[in-house]
Amino acid sequence: MHYILAGLITLSDIARVERERWSYTPVGHVMRLLEQVSTATPEQPLQGVLQMMGTQDINQVPVVQDGRLVGLLSRESIIRYLQVR
């Protein structure tokens, strides 16, 4: 099953909302829109994605194909994979 990606919300995005407003603040008001999110494609080399994560100081990158979410890469999982190889 594939999902259409609308955006991404991170802990730093949540931290910008006052804690007492968490229970009634919609995710859509806090999340970054897809246009503001760095993404990868299934064909991109892991080394390039890891470099992008380091440059932009992000820990996760959605993997998108034809506008649909097909996976999620984390910096930790890429580093672990490269160490094992």
PDB file of N, CA and C in Angstrom:
ATOM      1  N   MET A   1       0.834  -1.169   0.000  1.00  0.00           N
ATOM      2  CA  MET A   1       0.000   0.000   0.000  1.00  0.00           C
ATOM      3  C   MET A   1       0.884   1.239   0.000  1.00  0.00           C
ATOM      4  N   HIS A   2       0.547   2.232  -0.780  1.00  0.00           N
ATOM      5  CA  HIS A   2       1.280   3.487  -0.848  1.00  0.00           C
ATOM      6  C   HIS A   2       0.413   4.613  -0.306  1.00  0.00           C
ATOM      7  N   TYR A   3       1.062   5.596   0.256  1.00  0.00           N
ATOM      8  CA  TYR A   3       0.355   6.731   0.837  1.00  0.00           C
ATOM      9  C   TYR A   3       0.802   8.012   0.149  1.00  0.00           C
ATOM     10  N   ILE A   4      -0.100   8.934  -0.022  1.00  0.00           N
ATOM     11  CA  ILE A   4       0.242  10.245  -0.565  1.00  0.00           C
ATOM     12  C   ILE A   4       0.818  11.070   0.580  1.00  0.00           C
ATOM     13  N   LEU A   5       1.969  11.645   0.351  1.00  0.00           N
ATOM     14  CA  LEU A   5       2.657  12.413   1.377  1.00  0.00           C
ATOM     15  C   LEU A   5       2.221  13.869   1.306  1.00  0.00           C
ATOM     16  N   ALA A   6       1.694  14.382   2.412  1.00  0.00           N
ATOM     17  CA  ALA A   6       1.258  15.779   2.472  1.00  0.00           C
ATOM     18  C   ALA A   6       2.309  16.661   3.121  1.00  0.00           C
ATOM     19  N   GLY A   7       3.090  16.093   4.034  1.00  0.00           N
ATOM     20  CA  GLY A   7       4.098  16.858   4.744  1.00  0.00           C
ATOM     21  C   GLY A   7       4.773  15.994   5.781  1.00  0.00           C
ATOM     22  N   LEU A   8       5.481  16.637   6.685  1.00  0.00           N
ATOM     23  CA  LEU A   8       6.245  15.924   7.712  1.00  0.00           C
ATOM     24  C   LEU A   8       6.242  16.764   8.973  1.00  0.00           C
ATOM     25  N   ILE A   9       6.151  16.106  10.111  1.00  0.00           N
ATOM     26  CA  ILE A   9       6.235  16.814  11.388  1.00  0.00           C
ATOM     27  C   ILE A   9       7.370  16.187  12.186  1.00  0.00           C
ATOM     28  N   THR A  10       8.189  17.035  12.802  1.00  0.00           N
ATOM     29  CA  THR A  10       9.327  16.565  13.579  1.00  0.00           C
ATOM     30  C   THR A  10       9.164  17.009  15.030  1.00  0.00           C
ATOM     31  N   LEU A  11      10.034  16.483  15.886  1.00  0.00           N
ATOM     32  CA  LEU A  11       9.989  16.899  17.286  1.00  0.00           C
ATOM     33  C   LEU A  11      10.264  18.389  17.436  1.00  0.00           C
ATOM     34  N   SER A  12      11.144  18.928  16.608  1.00  0.00           N
ATOM     35  CA  SER A  12      11.397  20.365  16.708  1.00  0.00           C
ATOM     36  C   SER A  12      10.178  21.184  16.286  1.00  0.00           C
ATOM     37  N   ASP A  13       9.388  20.662  15.330  1.00  0.00           N
ATOM     38  CA  ASP A  13       8.140  21.339  14.949  1.00  0.00           C
ATOM     39  C   ASP A  13       7.161  21.333  16.124  1.00  0.00           C
ATOM     40  N   ILE A  14       7.057  20.206  16.796  1.00  0.00           N
ATOM     41  CA  ILE A  14       6.153  20.082  17.947  1.00  0.00           C
ATOM     42  C   ILE A  14       6.611  20.974  19.086  1.00  0.00           C
ATOM     43  N   ALA A  15       7.917  21.063  19.279  1.00  0.00           N
ATOM     44  CA  ALA A  15       8.462  21.871  20.380  1.00  0.00           C
ATOM     45  C   ALA A  15       8.130  23.351  20.238  1.00  0.00           C
ATOM     46  N   ARG A  16       7.825  23.794  19.027  1.00  0.00           N
ATOM     47  CA  ARG A  16       7.464  25.205  18.826  1.00  0.00           C
ATOM     48  C   ARG A  16       6.036  25.511  19.295  1.00  0.00           C
ATOM     49  N   VAL A  17       5.266  24.475  19.582  1.00  0.00           N
ATOM     50  CA  VAL A  17       3.893  24.667  20.061  1.00  0.00           C
ATOM     51  C   VAL A  17       3.914  24.611  21.586  1.00  0.00           C
ATOM     52  N   GLU A  18       3.270  25.550  22.212  1.00  0.00           N
ATOM     53  CA  GLU A  18       3.193  25.545  23.677  1.00  0.00           C
ATOM     54  C   GLU A  18       2.518  24.262  24.143  1.00  0.00           C
ATOM     55  N   ARG A  19       3.096  23.642  25.144  1.00  0.00           N
ATOM     56  CA  ARG A  19       2.625  22.338  25.623  1.00  0.00           C
ATOM     57  C   ARG A  19       1.120  22.326  25.933  1.00  0.00           C
ATOM     58  N   GLU A  20       0.607  23.395  26.511  1.00  0.00           N
ATOM     59  CA  GLU A  20      -0.827  23.416  26.856  1.00  0.00           C
ATOM     60  C   GLU A  20      -1.721  23.470  25.620  1.00  0.00           C
ATOM     61  N   ARG A  21      -1.159  23.736  24.439  1.00  0.00           N
ATOM     62  CA  ARG A  21      -1.940  23.761  23.203  1.00  0.00           C
ATOM     63  C   ARG A  21      -1.876  22.438  22.425  1.00  0.00           C
ATOM     64  N   TRP A  22      -1.066  21.491  22.883  1.00  0.00           N
ATOM     65  CA  TRP A  22      -0.887  20.223  22.168  1.00  0.00           C
ATOM     66  C   TRP A  22      -2.198  19.470  21.948  1.00  0.00           C
ATOM     67  N   SER A  23      -3.065  19.482  22.927  1.00  0.00           N
ATOM     68  CA  SER A  23      -4.270  18.648  22.845  1.00  0.00           C
ATOM     69  C   SER A  23      -5.279  19.139  21.802  1.00  0.00           C
ATOM     70  N   TYR A  24      -5.157  20.388  21.362  1.00  0.00           N
ATOM     71  CA  TYR A  24      -6.125  20.880  20.376  1.00  0.00           C
ATOM     72  C   TYR A  24      -5.487  21.516  19.138  1.00  0.00           C
ATOM     73  N   THR A  25      -4.153  21.416  18.999  1.00  0.00           N
ATOM     74  CA  THR A  25      -3.490  21.953  17.804  1.00  0.00           C
ATOM     75  C   THR A  25      -3.451  20.882  16.727  1.00  0.00           C
ATOM     76  N   PRO A  26      -4.061  21.122  15.581  1.00  0.00           N
ATOM     77  CA  PRO A  26      -4.041  20.124  14.497  1.00  0.00           C
ATOM     78  C   PRO A  26      -2.630  19.942  13.924  1.00  0.00           C
ATOM     79  N   VAL A  27      -2.305  18.729  13.569  1.00  0.00           N
ATOM     80  CA  VAL A  27      -1.013  18.418  12.969  1.00  0.00           C
ATOM     81  C   VAL A  27      -0.772  19.299  11.746  1.00  0.00           C
ATOM     82  N   GLY A  28      -1.810  19.521  10.962  1.00  0.00           N
ATOM     83  CA  GLY A  28      -1.679  20.313   9.751  1.00  0.00           C
ATOM     84  C   GLY A  28      -1.239  21.746   9.981  1.00  0.00           C
ATOM     85  N   HIS A  29      -1.428  22.244  11.198  1.00  0.00           N
ATOM     86  CA  HIS A  29      -1.010  23.612  11.509  1.00  0.00           C
ATOM     87  C   HIS A  29       0.467  23.683  11.881  1.00  0.00           C
ATOM     88  N   VAL A  30       1.062  22.533  12.164  1.00  0.00           N
ATOM     89  CA  VAL A  30       2.441  22.499  12.651  1.00  0.00           C
ATOM     90  C   VAL A  30       3.397  21.865  11.644  1.00  0.00           C
ATOM     91  N   MET A  31       2.890  20.933  10.861  1.00  0.00           N
ATOM     92  CA  MET A  31       3.768  20.173   9.964  1.00  0.00           C
ATOM     93  C   MET A  31       4.354  21.041   8.859  1.00  0.00           C
ATOM     94  N   ARG A  32       5.454  20.547   8.312  1.00  0.00           N
ATOM     95  CA  ARG A  32       6.068  21.179   7.147  1.00  0.00           C
ATOM     96  C   ARG A  32       5.389  20.607   5.913  1.00  0.00           C
ATOM     97  N   LEU A  33       5.008  21.468   4.994  1.00  0.00           N
ATOM     98  CA  LEU A  33       4.376  21.005   3.764  1.00  0.00           C
ATOM     99  C   LEU A  33       5.396  20.269   2.907  1.00  0.00           C
ATOM    100  N   LEU A  34       4.915  19.414   2.029  1.00  0.00           N
ATOM    101  CA  LEU A  34       5.789  18.610   1.188  1.00  0.00           C
ATOM    102  C   LEU A  34       6.824  19.470   0.465  1.00  0.00           C
ATOM    103  N   GLU A  35       6.433  20.661   0.015  1.00  0.00           N
ATOM    104  CA  GLU A  35       7.358  21.543  -0.692  1.00  0.00           C
ATOM    105  C   GLU A  35       8.517  21.992   0.192  1.00  0.00           C
ATOM    106  N   GLN A  36       8.350  21.899   1.507  1.00  0.00           N
ATOM    107  CA  GLN A  36       9.372  22.327   2.455  1.00  0.00           C
ATOM    108  C   GLN A  36      10.208  21.161   2.972  1.00  0.00           C
ATOM    109  N   VAL A  37       9.902  19.957   2.526  1.00  0.00           N
ATOM    110  CA  VAL A  37      10.534  18.743   3.038  1.00  0.00           C
ATOM    111  C   VAL A  37      11.513  18.199   2.009  1.00  0.00           C
ATOM    112  N   SER A  38      12.709  17.867   2.461  1.00  0.00           N
ATOM    113  CA  SER A  38      13.673  17.187   1.592  1.00  0.00           C
ATOM    114  C   SER A  38      13.251  15.739   1.460  1.00  0.00           C
ATOM    115  N   THR A  39      13.223  15.243   0.241  1.00  0.00           N
ATOM    116  CA  THR A  39      12.820  13.862  -0.010  1.00  0.00           C
ATOM    117  C   THR A  39      13.895  13.159  -0.833  1.00  0.00           C
ATOM    118  N   ALA A  40      13.780  11.856  -0.899  1.00  0.00           N
ATOM    119  CA  ALA A  40      14.661  11.033  -1.729  1.00  0.00           C
ATOM    120  C   ALA A  40      13.785  10.189  -2.638  1.00  0.00           C
ATOM    121  N   THR A  41      14.390   9.666  -3.687  1.00  0.00           N
ATOM    122  CA  THR A  41      13.700   8.720  -4.561  1.00  0.00           C
ATOM    123  C   THR A  41      14.311   7.343  -4.327  1.00  0.00           C
ATOM    124  N   PRO A  42      13.617   6.281  -4.703  1.00  0.00           N
ATOM    125  CA  PRO A  42      14.175   4.936  -4.519  1.00  0.00           C
ATOM    126  C   PRO A  42      15.485   4.718  -5.282  1.00  0.00           C
ATOM    127  N   GLU A  43      15.733   5.506  -6.311  1.00  0.00           N
ATOM    128  CA  GLU A  43      16.929   5.329  -7.128  1.00  0.00           C
ATOM    129  C   GLU A  43      18.150   6.066  -6.590  1.00  0.00           C
ATOM    130  N   GLN A  44      17.976   6.980  -5.647  1.00  0.00           N
ATOM    131  CA  GLN A  44      19.093   7.783  -5.149  1.00  0.00           C
ATOM    132  C   GLN A  44      20.087   6.940  -4.368  1.00  0.00           C
ATOM    133  N   PRO A  45      21.390   7.173  -4.558  1.00  0.00           N
ATOM    134  CA  PRO A  45      22.408   6.467  -3.771  1.00  0.00           C
ATOM    135  C   PRO A  45      22.337   6.857  -2.291  1.00  0.00           C
ATOM    136  N   LEU A  46      22.526   5.892  -1.406  1.00  0.00           N
ATOM    137  CA  LEU A  46      22.474   6.152   0.034  1.00  0.00           C
ATOM    138  C   LEU A  46      23.487   7.199   0.460  1.00  0.00           C
ATOM    139  N   GLN A  47      24.678   7.159  -0.117  1.00  0.00           N
ATOM    140  CA  GLN A  47      25.723   8.112   0.263  1.00  0.00           C
ATOM    141  C   GLN A  47      25.264   9.551   0.019  1.00  0.00           C
ATOM    142  N   GLY A  48      24.585   9.796  -1.090  1.00  0.00           N
ATOM    143  CA  GLY A  48      24.083  11.134  -1.386  1.00  0.00           C
ATOM    144  C   GLY A  48      22.992  11.566  -0.422  1.00  0.00           C
ATOM    145  N   VAL A  49      22.116  10.636  -0.060  1.00  0.00           N
ATOM    146  CA  VAL A  49      21.052  10.958   0.896  1.00  0.00           C
ATOM    147  C   VAL A  49      21.656  11.252   2.262  1.00  0.00           C
ATOM    148  N   LEU A  50      22.646  10.459   2.671  1.00  0.00           N
ATOM    149  CA  LEU A  50      23.309  10.685   3.951  1.00  0.00           C
ATOM    150  C   LEU A  50      24.005  12.042   3.968  1.00  0.00           C
ATOM    151  N   GLN A  51      24.636  12.414   2.877  1.00  0.00           N
ATOM    152  CA  GLN A  51      25.293  13.713   2.780  1.00  0.00           C
ATOM    153  C   GLN A  51      24.259  14.849   2.879  1.00  0.00           C
ATOM    154  N   MET A  52      23.113  14.692   2.206  1.00  0.00           N
ATOM    155  CA  MET A  52      22.045  15.692   2.273  1.00  0.00           C
ATOM    156  C   MET A  52      21.547  15.842   3.715  1.00  0.00           C
ATOM    157  N   MET A  53      21.394  14.716   4.408  1.00  0.00           N
ATOM    158  CA  MET A  53      20.941  14.765   5.803  1.00  0.00           C
ATOM    159  C   MET A  53      21.930  15.539   6.665  1.00  0.00           C
ATOM    160  N   GLY A  54      23.220  15.303   6.452  1.00  0.00           N
ATOM    161  CA  GLY A  54      24.235  16.002   7.225  1.00  0.00           C
ATOM    162  C   GLY A  54      24.253  17.486   6.925  1.00  0.00           C
ATOM    163  N   THR A  55      24.161  17.838   5.661  1.00  0.00           N
ATOM    164  CA  THR A  55      24.181  19.236   5.244  1.00  0.00           C
ATOM    165  C   THR A  55      22.979  19.998   5.792  1.00  0.00           C
ATOM    166  N   GLN A  56      21.808  19.347   5.773  1.00  0.00           N
ATOM    167  CA  GLN A  56      20.575  20.010   6.203  1.00  0.00           C
ATOM    168  C   GLN A  56      20.240  19.740   7.670  1.00  0.00           C
ATOM    169  N   ASP A  57      21.085  18.952   8.339  1.00  0.00           N
ATOM    170  CA  ASP A  57      20.883  18.587   9.744  1.00  0.00           C
ATOM    171  C   ASP A  57      19.491  18.003   9.988  1.00  0.00           C
ATOM    172  N   ILE A  58      19.162  16.987   9.203  1.00  0.00           N
ATOM    173  CA  ILE A  58      17.893  16.269   9.376  1.00  0.00           C
ATOM    174  C   ILE A  58      18.187  14.798   9.625  1.00  0.00           C
ATOM    175  N   ASN A  59      17.300  14.124  10.313  1.00  0.00           N
ATOM    176  CA  ASN A  59      17.520  12.723  10.678  1.00  0.00           C
ATOM    177  C   ASN A  59      16.679  11.735   9.892  1.00  0.00           C
ATOM    178  N   GLN A  60      15.623  12.197   9.243  1.00  0.00           N
ATOM    179  CA  GLN A  60      14.776  11.320   8.448  1.00  0.00           C
ATOM    180  C   GLN A  60      14.476  11.970   7.107  1.00  0.00           C
ATOM    181  N   VAL A  61      14.356  11.111   6.090  1.00  0.00           N
ATOM    182  CA  VAL A  61      14.002  11.589   4.761  1.00  0.00           C
ATOM    183  C   VAL A  61      12.937  10.656   4.203  1.00  0.00           C
ATOM    184  N   PRO A  62      11.774  11.191   3.848  1.00  0.00           N
ATOM    185  CA  PRO A  62      10.762  10.362   3.195  1.00  0.00           C
ATOM    186  C   PRO A  62      11.240   9.955   1.801  1.00  0.00           C
ATOM    187  N   VAL A  63      10.943   8.731   1.427  1.00  0.00           N
ATOM    188  CA  VAL A  63      11.250   8.254   0.080  1.00  0.00           C
ATOM    189  C   VAL A  63       9.956   8.333  -0.720  1.00  0.00           C
ATOM    190  N   VAL A  64       9.988   9.124  -1.801  1.00  0.00           N
ATOM    191  CA  VAL A  64       8.785   9.431  -2.564  1.00  0.00           C
ATOM    192  C   VAL A  64       8.992   9.029  -4.018  1.00  0.00           C
ATOM    193  N   GLN A  65       7.975   8.406  -4.568  1.00  0.00           N
ATOM    194  CA  GLN A  65       7.983   8.053  -5.986  1.00  0.00           C
ATOM    195  C   GLN A  65       6.623   8.410  -6.566  1.00  0.00           C
ATOM    196  N   ASP A  66       6.634   9.213  -7.621  1.00  0.00           N
ATOM    197  CA  ASP A  66       5.394   9.669  -8.265  1.00  0.00           C
ATOM    198  C   ASP A  66       4.444  10.323  -7.268  1.00  0.00           C
ATOM    199  N   GLY A  67       4.995  11.103  -6.328  1.00  0.00           N
ATOM    200  CA  GLY A  67       4.186  11.817  -5.348  1.00  0.00           C
ATOM    201  C   GLY A  67       3.638  10.960  -4.234  1.00  0.00           C
ATOM    202  N   ARG A  68       4.047   9.702  -4.189  1.00  0.00           N
ATOM    203  CA  ARG A  68       3.551   8.785  -3.152  1.00  0.00           C
ATOM    204  C   ARG A  68       4.671   8.363  -2.218  1.00  0.00           C
ATOM    205  N   LEU A  69       4.359   8.279  -0.936  1.00  0.00           N
ATOM    206  CA  LEU A  69       5.313   7.826   0.060  1.00  0.00           C
ATOM    207  C   LEU A  69       5.524   6.323  -0.092  1.00  0.00           C
ATOM    208  N   VAL A  70       6.774   5.919  -0.307  1.00  0.00           N
ATOM    209  CA  VAL A  70       7.066   4.488  -0.443  1.00  0.00           C
ATOM    210  C   VAL A  70       8.021   3.998   0.644  1.00  0.00           C
ATOM    211  N   GLY A  71       8.528   4.921   1.464  1.00  0.00           N
ATOM    212  CA  GLY A  71       9.426   4.520   2.543  1.00  0.00           C
ATOM    213  C   GLY A  71       9.920   5.712   3.325  1.00  0.00           C
ATOM    214  N   LEU A  72      10.732   5.417   4.342  1.00  0.00           N
ATOM    215  CA  LEU A  72      11.321   6.457   5.180  1.00  0.00           C
ATOM    216  C   LEU A  72      12.729   6.014   5.543  1.00  0.00           C
ATOM    217  N   LEU A  73      13.701   6.857   5.267  1.00  0.00           N
ATOM    218  CA  LEU A  73      15.089   6.566   5.612  1.00  0.00           C
ATOM    219  C   LEU A  73      15.478   7.376   6.836  1.00  0.00           C
ATOM    220  N   SER A  74      16.168   6.735   7.765  1.00  0.00           N
ATOM    221  CA  SER A  74      16.716   7.468   8.901  1.00  0.00           C
ATOM    222  C   SER A  74      18.230   7.480   8.779  1.00  0.00           C
ATOM    223  N   ARG A  75      18.826   8.511   9.313  1.00  0.00           N
ATOM    224  CA  ARG A  75      20.286   8.621   9.285  1.00  0.00           C
ATOM    225  C   ARG A  75      20.909   7.401   9.965  1.00  0.00           C
ATOM    226  N   GLU A  76      20.345   7.014  11.090  1.00  0.00           N
ATOM    227  CA  GLU A  76      20.863   5.877  11.844  1.00  0.00           C
ATOM    228  C   GLU A  76      20.832   4.588  11.024  1.00  0.00           C
ATOM    229  N   SER A  77      19.745   4.339  10.314  1.00  0.00           N
ATOM    230  CA  SER A  77      19.646   3.096   9.535  1.00  0.00           C
ATOM    231  C   SER A  77      20.608   3.098   8.351  1.00  0.00           C
ATOM    232  N   ILE A  78      20.830   4.254   7.730  1.00  0.00           N
ATOM    233  CA  ILE A  78      21.785   4.328   6.617  1.00  0.00           C
ATOM    234  C   ILE A  78      23.199   4.071   7.124  1.00  0.00           C
ATOM    235  N   ILE A  79      23.582   4.695   8.229  1.00  0.00           N
ATOM    236  CA  ILE A  79      24.922   4.514   8.777  1.00  0.00           C
ATOM    237  C   ILE A  79      25.129   3.055   9.165  1.00  0.00           C
ATOM    238  N   ARG A  80      24.130   2.444   9.792  1.00  0.00           N
ATOM    239  CA  ARG A  80      24.231   1.045  10.187  1.00  0.00           C
ATOM    240  C   ARG A  80      24.406   0.154   8.961  1.00  0.00           C
ATOM    241  N   TYR A  81      23.633   0.411   7.908  1.00  0.00           N
ATOM    242  CA  TYR A  81      23.735  -0.357   6.676  1.00  0.00           C
ATOM    243  C   TYR A  81      25.124  -0.224   6.049  1.00  0.00           C
ATOM    244  N   LEU A  82      25.637   1.011   5.977  1.00  0.00           N
ATOM    245  CA  LEU A  82      26.952   1.232   5.376  1.00  0.00           C
ATOM    246  C   LEU A  82      28.069   0.595   6.206  1.00  0.00           C
ATOM    247  N   GLN A  83      27.921   0.553   7.532  1.00  0.00           N
ATOM    248  CA  GLN A  83      28.923  -0.081   8.392  1.00  0.00           C
ATOM    249  C   GLN A  83      28.940  -1.590   8.175  1.00  0.00           C
ATOM    250  N   VAL A  84      27.773  -2.185   7.995  1.00  0.00           N
ATOM    251  CA  VAL A  84      27.672  -3.635   7.810  1.00  0.00           C
ATOM    252  C   VAL A  84      28.249  -4.038   6.452  1.00  0.00           C
ATOM    253  N   ARG A  85      28.021  -3.194   5.454  1.00  0.00           N
ATOM    254  CA  ARG A  85      28.554  -3.485   4.112  1.00  0.00           C
ATOM    255  C   ARG A  85      30.042  -3.369   4.139  1.00  0.00           C
TER     256      ARG A  85
END
